[in-house]
């Protein structure tokens, strides 16, 4: 993914999640919503935004790579 210098706010990330959640594994989408209820660092928000960006058009292999990165953020959520 290309480097981006734009800081994405918590609301932007939540909107991106909503726009892509039908393409995400259900469990991961639910955990991401829970994760984003708390205030997160700008670095985390930017990373998550770009993992979700154009998720729907990513190849299956690319989606799996992104899923693994997203799962690391939500690993502690039951």
PDB file of N, CA and C in Angstrom:
ATOM      1  N   UNK A   1       0.834  -1.173   0.000  1.00  0.00           N
ATOM      2  CA  UNK A   1       0.000   0.000   0.000  1.00  0.00           C
ATOM      3  C   UNK A   1       0.881   1.238   0.000  1.00  0.00           C
ATOM      4  N   UNK A   2       0.408   2.231  -0.686  1.00  0.00           N
ATOM      5  CA  UNK A   2       1.177   3.463  -0.815  1.00  0.00           C
ATOM      6  C   UNK A   2       1.168   4.237   0.500  1.00  0.00           C
ATOM      7  N   UNK A   3       2.214   4.989   0.717  1.00  0.00           N
ATOM      8  CA  UNK A   3       2.328   5.809   1.909  1.00  0.00           C
ATOM      9  C   UNK A   3       1.375   7.000   1.787  1.00  0.00           C
ATOM     10  N   UNK A   4       0.697   7.328   2.875  1.00  0.00           N
ATOM     11  CA  UNK A   4      -0.262   8.430   2.877  1.00  0.00           C
ATOM     12  C   UNK A   4       0.077   9.354   4.031  1.00  0.00           C
ATOM     13  N   UNK A   5       0.019  10.647   3.778  1.00  0.00           N
ATOM     14  CA  UNK A   5       0.352  11.621   4.811  1.00  0.00           C
ATOM     15  C   UNK A   5      -0.882  12.238   5.470  1.00  0.00           C
ATOM     16  N   UNK A   6      -2.058  11.726   5.147  1.00  0.00           N
ATOM     17  CA  UNK A   6      -3.300  12.252   5.720  1.00  0.00           C
ATOM     18  C   UNK A   6      -3.608  11.521   7.023  1.00  0.00           C
ATOM     19  N   UNK A   7      -3.928  12.296   8.054  1.00  0.00           N
ATOM     20  CA  UNK A   7      -4.363  11.695   9.312  1.00  0.00           C
ATOM     21  C   UNK A   7      -5.869  11.459   9.239  1.00  0.00           C
ATOM     22  N   UNK A   8      -6.275  10.237   9.511  1.00  0.00           N
ATOM     23  CA  UNK A   8      -7.680   9.857   9.452  1.00  0.00           C
ATOM     24  C   UNK A   8      -8.244   9.820  10.871  1.00  0.00           C
ATOM     25  N   UNK A   9      -9.328  10.543  11.062  1.00  0.00           N
ATOM     26  CA  UNK A   9      -9.959  10.610  12.377  1.00  0.00           C
ATOM     27  C   UNK A   9     -10.724   9.342  12.710  1.00  0.00           C
ATOM     28  N   UNK A  10     -11.079   9.211  13.980  1.00  0.00           N
ATOM     29  CA  UNK A  10     -11.805   8.035  14.451  1.00  0.00           C
ATOM     30  C   UNK A  10     -13.111   7.862  13.675  1.00  0.00           C
ATOM     31  N   UNK A  11     -13.838   8.950  13.434  1.00  0.00           N
ATOM     32  CA  UNK A  11     -15.098   8.859  12.691  1.00  0.00           C
ATOM     33  C   UNK A  11     -14.865   8.411  11.251  1.00  0.00           C
ATOM     34  N   UNK A  12     -13.785   8.886  10.627  1.00  0.00           N
ATOM     35  CA  UNK A  12     -13.460   8.467   9.251  1.00  0.00           C
ATOM     36  C   UNK A  12     -13.205   6.963   9.195  1.00  0.00           C
ATOM     37  N   UNK A  13     -12.501   6.464  10.184  1.00  0.00           N
ATOM     38  CA  UNK A  13     -12.177   5.040  10.224  1.00  0.00           C
ATOM     39  C   UNK A  13     -13.448   4.217  10.447  1.00  0.00           C
ATOM     40  N   UNK A  14     -14.321   4.699  11.319  1.00  0.00           N
ATOM     41  CA  UNK A  14     -15.589   4.001  11.556  1.00  0.00           C
ATOM     42  C   UNK A  14     -16.438   3.968  10.286  1.00  0.00           C
ATOM     43  N   UNK A  15     -16.479   5.081   9.565  1.00  0.00           N
ATOM     44  CA  UNK A  15     -17.240   5.135   8.302  1.00  0.00           C
ATOM     45  C   UNK A  15     -16.646   4.174   7.276  1.00  0.00           C
ATOM     46  N   UNK A  16     -15.327   4.110   7.224  1.00  0.00           N
ATOM     47  CA  UNK A  16     -14.671   3.196   6.283  1.00  0.00           C
ATOM     48  C   UNK A  16     -14.991   1.755   6.660  1.00  0.00           C
ATOM     49  N   UNK A  17     -14.984   1.453   7.944  1.00  0.00           N
ATOM     50  CA  UNK A  17     -15.333   0.116   8.401  1.00  0.00           C
ATOM     51  C   UNK A  17     -16.764  -0.232   7.979  1.00  0.00           C
ATOM     52  N   UNK A  18     -17.685   0.672   8.191  1.00  0.00           N
ATOM     53  CA  UNK A  18     -19.077   0.430   7.811  1.00  0.00           C
ATOM     54  C   UNK A  18     -19.199   0.184   6.312  1.00  0.00           C
ATOM     55  N   UNK A  19     -18.458   0.940   5.520  1.00  0.00           N
ATOM     56  CA  UNK A  19     -18.545   0.792   4.061  1.00  0.00           C
ATOM     57  C   UNK A  19     -17.943  -0.522   3.558  1.00  0.00           C
ATOM     58  N   UNK A  20     -17.071  -1.129   4.353  1.00  0.00           N
ATOM     59  CA  UNK A  20     -16.377  -2.342   3.913  1.00  0.00           C
ATOM     60  C   UNK A  20     -16.785  -3.588   4.700  1.00  0.00           C
ATOM     61  N   UNK A  21     -17.591  -3.432   5.747  1.00  0.00           N
ATOM     62  CA  UNK A  21     -17.840  -4.557   6.646  1.00  0.00           C
ATOM     63  C   UNK A  21     -18.530  -5.742   5.978  1.00  0.00           C
ATOM     64  N   UNK A  22     -19.311  -5.525   4.947  1.00  0.00           N
ATOM     65  CA  UNK A  22     -19.960  -6.671   4.289  1.00  0.00           C
ATOM     66  C   UNK A  22     -18.953  -7.577   3.588  1.00  0.00           C
ATOM     67  N   UNK A  23     -17.751  -7.072   3.351  1.00  0.00           N
ATOM     68  CA  UNK A  23     -16.705  -7.848   2.688  1.00  0.00           C
ATOM     69  C   UNK A  23     -15.746  -8.502   3.683  1.00  0.00           C
ATOM     70  N   UNK A  24     -15.770  -8.032   4.924  1.00  0.00           N
ATOM     71  CA  UNK A  24     -14.907  -8.574   5.970  1.00  0.00           C
ATOM     72  C   UNK A  24     -15.518  -9.840   6.561  1.00  0.00           C
ATOM     73  N   UNK A  25     -14.685 -10.730   7.106  1.00  0.00           N
ATOM     74  CA  UNK A  25     -15.244 -11.850   7.878  1.00  0.00           C
ATOM     75  C   UNK A  25     -16.092 -11.276   9.020  1.00  0.00           C
ATOM     76  N   UNK A  26     -17.253 -11.875   9.269  1.00  0.00           N
ATOM     77  CA  UNK A  26     -18.194 -11.331  10.256  1.00  0.00           C
ATOM     78  C   UNK A  26     -17.559 -11.087  11.617  1.00  0.00           C
ATOM     79  N   UNK A  27     -16.834 -12.071  12.128  1.00  0.00           N
ATOM     80  CA  UNK A  27     -16.232 -11.950  13.450  1.00  0.00           C
ATOM     81  C   UNK A  27     -15.257 -10.772  13.506  1.00  0.00           C
ATOM     82  N   UNK A  28     -14.492 -10.588  12.448  1.00  0.00           N
ATOM     83  CA  UNK A  28     -13.519  -9.502  12.404  1.00  0.00           C
ATOM     84  C   UNK A  28     -14.227  -8.150  12.367  1.00  0.00           C
ATOM     85  N   UNK A  29     -15.283  -8.044  11.603  1.00  0.00           N
ATOM     86  CA  UNK A  29     -16.043  -6.787  11.527  1.00  0.00           C
ATOM     87  C   UNK A  29     -16.602  -6.419  12.899  1.00  0.00           C
ATOM     88  N   UNK A  30     -17.176  -7.390  13.600  1.00  0.00           N
ATOM     89  CA  UNK A  30     -17.741  -7.145  14.934  1.00  0.00           C
ATOM     90  C   UNK A  30     -16.643  -6.678  15.890  1.00  0.00           C
ATOM     91  N   UNK A  31     -15.522  -7.349  15.882  1.00  0.00           N
ATOM     92  CA  UNK A  31     -14.422  -6.986  16.784  1.00  0.00           C
ATOM     93  C   UNK A  31     -13.852  -5.613  16.449  1.00  0.00           C
ATOM     94  N   UNK A  32     -13.806  -5.275  15.170  1.00  0.00           N
ATOM     95  CA  UNK A  32     -13.307  -3.950  14.782  1.00  0.00           C
ATOM     96  C   UNK A  32     -14.233  -2.856  15.307  1.00  0.00           C
ATOM     97  N   UNK A  33     -15.538  -3.075  15.255  1.00  0.00           N
ATOM     98  CA  UNK A  33     -16.483  -2.090  15.801  1.00  0.00           C
ATOM     99  C   UNK A  33     -16.245  -1.906  17.299  1.00  0.00           C
ATOM    100  N   UNK A  34     -16.037  -2.994  18.009  1.00  0.00           N
ATOM    101  CA  UNK A  34     -15.767  -2.923  19.448  1.00  0.00           C
ATOM    102  C   UNK A  34     -14.448  -2.178  19.689  1.00  0.00           C
ATOM    103  N   UNK A  35     -13.439  -2.522  18.924  1.00  0.00           N
ATOM    104  CA  UNK A  35     -12.111  -1.914  19.067  1.00  0.00           C
ATOM    105  C   UNK A  35     -12.175  -0.403  18.870  1.00  0.00           C
ATOM    106  N   UNK A  36     -12.975   0.032  17.919  1.00  0.00           N
ATOM    107  CA  UNK A  36     -13.037   1.458  17.597  1.00  0.00           C
ATOM    108  C   UNK A  36     -13.956   2.261  18.520  1.00  0.00           C
ATOM    109  N   UNK A  37     -14.547   1.601  19.508  1.00  0.00           N
ATOM    110  CA  UNK A  37     -15.341   2.338  20.500  1.00  0.00           C
ATOM    111  C   UNK A  37     -14.440   3.133  21.432  1.00  0.00           C
ATOM    112  N   UNK A  38     -13.205   2.672  21.608  1.00  0.00           N
ATOM    113  CA  UNK A  38     -12.240   3.370  22.454  1.00  0.00           C
ATOM    114  C   UNK A  38     -11.383   4.300  21.604  1.00  0.00           C
ATOM    115  N   UNK A  39     -10.844   5.320  22.238  1.00  0.00           N
ATOM    116  CA  UNK A  39      -9.951   6.251  21.553  1.00  0.00           C
ATOM    117  C   UNK A  39      -8.669   5.503  21.185  1.00  0.00           C
ATOM    118  N   UNK A  40      -8.248   5.661  19.952  1.00  0.00           N
ATOM    119  CA  UNK A  40      -7.044   4.985  19.452  1.00  0.00           C
ATOM    120  C   UNK A  40      -6.029   6.010  18.970  1.00  0.00           C
ATOM    121  N   UNK A  41      -4.771   5.603  18.926  1.00  0.00           N
ATOM    122  CA  UNK A  41      -3.708   6.513  18.492  1.00  0.00           C
ATOM    123  C   UNK A  41      -3.868   6.840  17.006  1.00  0.00           C
ATOM    124  N   UNK A  42      -3.310   7.975  16.626  1.00  0.00           N
ATOM    125  CA  UNK A  42      -3.383   8.391  15.228  1.00  0.00           C
ATOM    126  C   UNK A  42      -2.725   7.360  14.323  1.00  0.00           C
ATOM    127  N   UNK A  43      -1.625   6.800  14.771  1.00  0.00           N
ATOM    128  CA  UNK A  43      -0.917   5.782  13.987  1.00  0.00           C
ATOM    129  C   UNK A  43      -1.808   4.561  13.734  1.00  0.00           C
ATOM    130  N   UNK A  44      -2.493   4.112  14.775  1.00  0.00           N
ATOM    131  CA  UNK A  44      -3.401   2.971  14.637  1.00  0.00           C
ATOM    132  C   UNK A  44      -4.543   3.304  13.682  1.00  0.00           C
ATOM    133  N   UNK A  45      -5.136   4.474  13.859  1.00  0.00           N
ATOM    134  CA  UNK A  45      -6.255   4.872  13.005  1.00  0.00           C
ATOM    135  C   UNK A  45      -5.844   4.925  11.536  1.00  0.00           C
ATOM    136  N   UNK A  46      -4.697   5.510  11.279  1.00  0.00           N
ATOM    137  CA  UNK A  46      -4.223   5.590   9.889  1.00  0.00           C
ATOM    138  C   UNK A  46      -3.988   4.201   9.315  1.00  0.00           C
ATOM    139  N   UNK A  47      -3.371   3.333  10.093  1.00  0.00           N
ATOM    140  CA  UNK A  47      -3.084   1.979   9.619  1.00  0.00           C
ATOM    141  C   UNK A  47      -4.376   1.218   9.336  1.00  0.00           C
ATOM    142  N   UNK A  48      -5.314   1.267  10.254  1.00  0.00           N
ATOM    143  CA  UNK A  48      -6.583   0.561  10.072  1.00  0.00           C
ATOM    144  C   UNK A  48      -7.336   1.112   8.869  1.00  0.00           C
ATOM    145  N   UNK A  49      -7.353   2.438   8.724  1.00  0.00           N
ATOM    146  CA  UNK A  49      -8.036   3.039   7.580  1.00  0.00           C
ATOM    147  C   UNK A  49      -7.491   2.475   6.275  1.00  0.00           C
ATOM    148  N   UNK A  50      -6.171   2.397   6.167  1.00  0.00           N
ATOM    149  CA  UNK A  50      -5.570   1.927   4.914  1.00  0.00           C
ATOM    150  C   UNK A  50      -5.713   0.416   4.719  1.00  0.00           C
ATOM    151  N   UNK A  51      -5.831  -0.326   5.795  1.00  0.00           N
ATOM    152  CA  UNK A  51      -6.118  -1.758   5.663  1.00  0.00           C
ATOM    153  C   UNK A  51      -7.546  -1.970   5.159  1.00  0.00           C
ATOM    154  N   UNK A  52      -8.440  -1.075   5.530  1.00  0.00           N
ATOM    155  CA  UNK A  52      -9.837  -1.182   5.089  1.00  0.00           C
ATOM    156  C   UNK A  52     -10.081  -0.554   3.721  1.00  0.00           C
ATOM    157  N   UNK A  53      -9.245   0.407   3.355  1.00  0.00           N
ATOM    158  CA  UNK A  53      -9.429   1.121   2.088  1.00  0.00           C
ATOM    159  C   UNK A  53      -9.347   0.149   0.900  1.00  0.00           C
ATOM    160  N   UNK A  54     -10.362   0.197   0.071  1.00  0.00           N
ATOM    161  CA  UNK A  54     -10.458  -0.647  -1.127  1.00  0.00           C
ATOM    162  C   UNK A  54     -10.354  -2.136  -0.799  1.00  0.00           C
ATOM    163  N   UNK A  55     -10.748  -2.497   0.407  1.00  0.00           N
ATOM    164  CA  UNK A  55     -10.744  -3.902   0.817  1.00  0.00           C
ATOM    165  C   UNK A  55     -11.589  -4.730  -0.139  1.00  0.00           C
ATOM    166  N   UNK A  56     -12.719  -4.162  -0.554  1.00  0.00           N
ATOM    167  CA  UNK A  56     -13.656  -4.879  -1.423  1.00  0.00           C
ATOM    168  C   UNK A  56     -13.065  -5.227  -2.782  1.00  0.00           C
ATOM    169  N   UNK A  57     -12.078  -4.489  -3.240  1.00  0.00           N
ATOM    170  CA  UNK A  57     -11.481  -4.756  -4.553  1.00  0.00           C
ATOM    171  C   UNK A  57     -10.159  -5.521  -4.464  1.00  0.00           C
ATOM    172  N   UNK A  58      -9.719  -5.802  -3.245  1.00  0.00           N
ATOM    173  CA  UNK A  58      -8.454  -6.524  -3.052  1.00  0.00           C
ATOM    174  C   UNK A  58      -8.625  -7.998  -3.426  1.00  0.00           C
ATOM    175  N   UNK A  59      -7.529  -8.600  -3.851  1.00  0.00           N
ATOM    176  CA  UNK A  59      -7.538 -10.033  -4.158  1.00  0.00           C
ATOM    177  C   UNK A  59      -7.747 -10.819  -2.867  1.00  0.00           C
ATOM    178  N   UNK A  60      -8.106 -12.077  -2.996  1.00  0.00           N
ATOM    179  CA  UNK A  60      -8.313 -12.932  -1.821  1.00  0.00           C
ATOM    180  C   UNK A  60      -7.033 -13.007  -0.982  1.00  0.00           C
ATOM    181  N   UNK A  61      -5.902 -13.116  -1.646  1.00  0.00           N
ATOM    182  CA  UNK A  61      -4.614 -13.179  -0.943  1.00  0.00           C
ATOM    183  C   UNK A  61      -4.355 -11.876  -0.177  1.00  0.00           C
ATOM    184  N   UNK A  62      -4.610 -10.751  -0.820  1.00  0.00           N
ATOM    185  CA  UNK A  62      -4.415  -9.445  -0.183  1.00  0.00           C
ATOM    186  C   UNK A  62      -5.370  -9.279   0.995  1.00  0.00           C
ATOM    187  N   UNK A  63      -6.604  -9.744   0.855  1.00  0.00           N
ATOM    188  CA  UNK A  63      -7.566  -9.656   1.958  1.00  0.00           C
ATOM    189  C   UNK A  63      -7.083 -10.448   3.167  1.00  0.00           C
ATOM    190  N   UNK A  64      -6.537 -11.633   2.925  1.00  0.00           N
ATOM    191  CA  UNK A  64      -6.037 -12.451   4.036  1.00  0.00           C
ATOM    192  C   UNK A  64      -4.891 -11.754   4.759  1.00  0.00           C
ATOM    193  N   UNK A  65      -4.004 -11.115   4.005  1.00  0.00           N
ATOM    194  CA  UNK A  65      -2.900 -10.378   4.619  1.00  0.00           C
ATOM    195  C   UNK A  65      -3.441  -9.232   5.476  1.00  0.00           C
ATOM    196  N   UNK A  66      -4.422  -8.525   4.944  1.00  0.00           N
ATOM    197  CA  UNK A  66      -5.023  -7.418   5.693  1.00  0.00           C
ATOM    198  C   UNK A  66      -5.764  -7.939   6.923  1.00  0.00           C
ATOM    199  N   UNK A  67      -6.474  -9.056   6.762  1.00  0.00           N
ATOM    200  CA  UNK A  67      -7.196  -9.639   7.898  1.00  0.00           C
ATOM    201  C   UNK A  67      -6.245  -9.964   9.034  1.00  0.00           C
ATOM    202  N   UNK A  68      -5.105 -10.531   8.710  1.00  0.00           N
ATOM    203  CA  UNK A  68      -4.123 -10.879   9.752  1.00  0.00           C
ATOM    204  C   UNK A  68      -3.653  -9.633  10.491  1.00  0.00           C
ATOM    205  N   UNK A  69      -3.415  -8.557   9.765  1.00  0.00           N
ATOM    206  CA  UNK A  69      -2.979  -7.307  10.396  1.00  0.00           C
ATOM    207  C   UNK A  69      -4.094  -6.732  11.267  1.00  0.00           C
ATOM    208  N   UNK A  70      -5.331  -6.780  10.777  1.00  0.00           N
ATOM    209  CA  UNK A  70      -6.466  -6.281  11.565  1.00  0.00           C
ATOM    210  C   UNK A  70      -6.685  -7.139  12.805  1.00  0.00           C
ATOM    211  N   UNK A  71      -6.497  -8.449  12.669  1.00  0.00           N
ATOM    212  CA  UNK A  71      -6.678  -9.353  13.823  1.00  0.00           C
ATOM    213  C   UNK A  71      -5.697  -9.038  14.941  1.00  0.00           C
ATOM    214  N   UNK A  72      -4.525  -8.549  14.601  1.00  0.00           N
ATOM    215  CA  UNK A  72      -3.548  -8.193  15.636  1.00  0.00           C
ATOM    216  C   UNK A  72      -4.072  -7.053  16.506  1.00  0.00           C
ATOM    217  N   UNK A  73      -4.823  -6.144  15.910  1.00  0.00           N
ATOM    218  CA  UNK A  73      -5.395  -5.033  16.680  1.00  0.00           C
ATOM    219  C   UNK A  73      -6.474  -5.521  17.645  1.00  0.00           C
ATOM    220  N   UNK A  74      -7.245  -6.497  17.223  1.00  0.00           N
ATOM    221  CA  UNK A  74      -8.406  -6.933  18.014  1.00  0.00           C
ATOM    222  C   UNK A  74      -8.158  -8.235  18.766  1.00  0.00           C
ATOM    223  N   UNK A  75      -6.935  -8.667  18.854  1.00  0.00           N
ATOM    224  CA  UNK A  75      -6.594  -9.972  19.428  1.00  0.00           C
ATOM    225  C   UNK A  75      -7.104 -10.145  20.856  1.00  0.00           C
ATOM    226  N   UNK A  76      -7.204  -9.072  21.611  1.00  0.00           N
ATOM    227  CA  UNK A  76      -7.589  -9.184  23.020  1.00  0.00           C
ATOM    228  C   UNK A  76      -9.103  -9.117  23.239  1.00  0.00           C
ATOM    229  N   UNK A  77      -9.850  -8.875  22.165  1.00  0.00           N
ATOM    230  CA  UNK A  77     -11.311  -8.770  22.287  1.00  0.00           C
ATOM    231  C   UNK A  77     -11.919 -10.162  22.199  1.00  0.00           C
ATOM    232  N   UNK A  78     -12.743 -10.494  23.169  1.00  0.00           N
ATOM    233  CA  UNK A  78     -13.355 -11.835  23.202  1.00  0.00           C
ATOM    234  C   UNK A  78     -14.583 -11.904  22.355  1.00  0.00           C
TER     235      UNK A  78
END
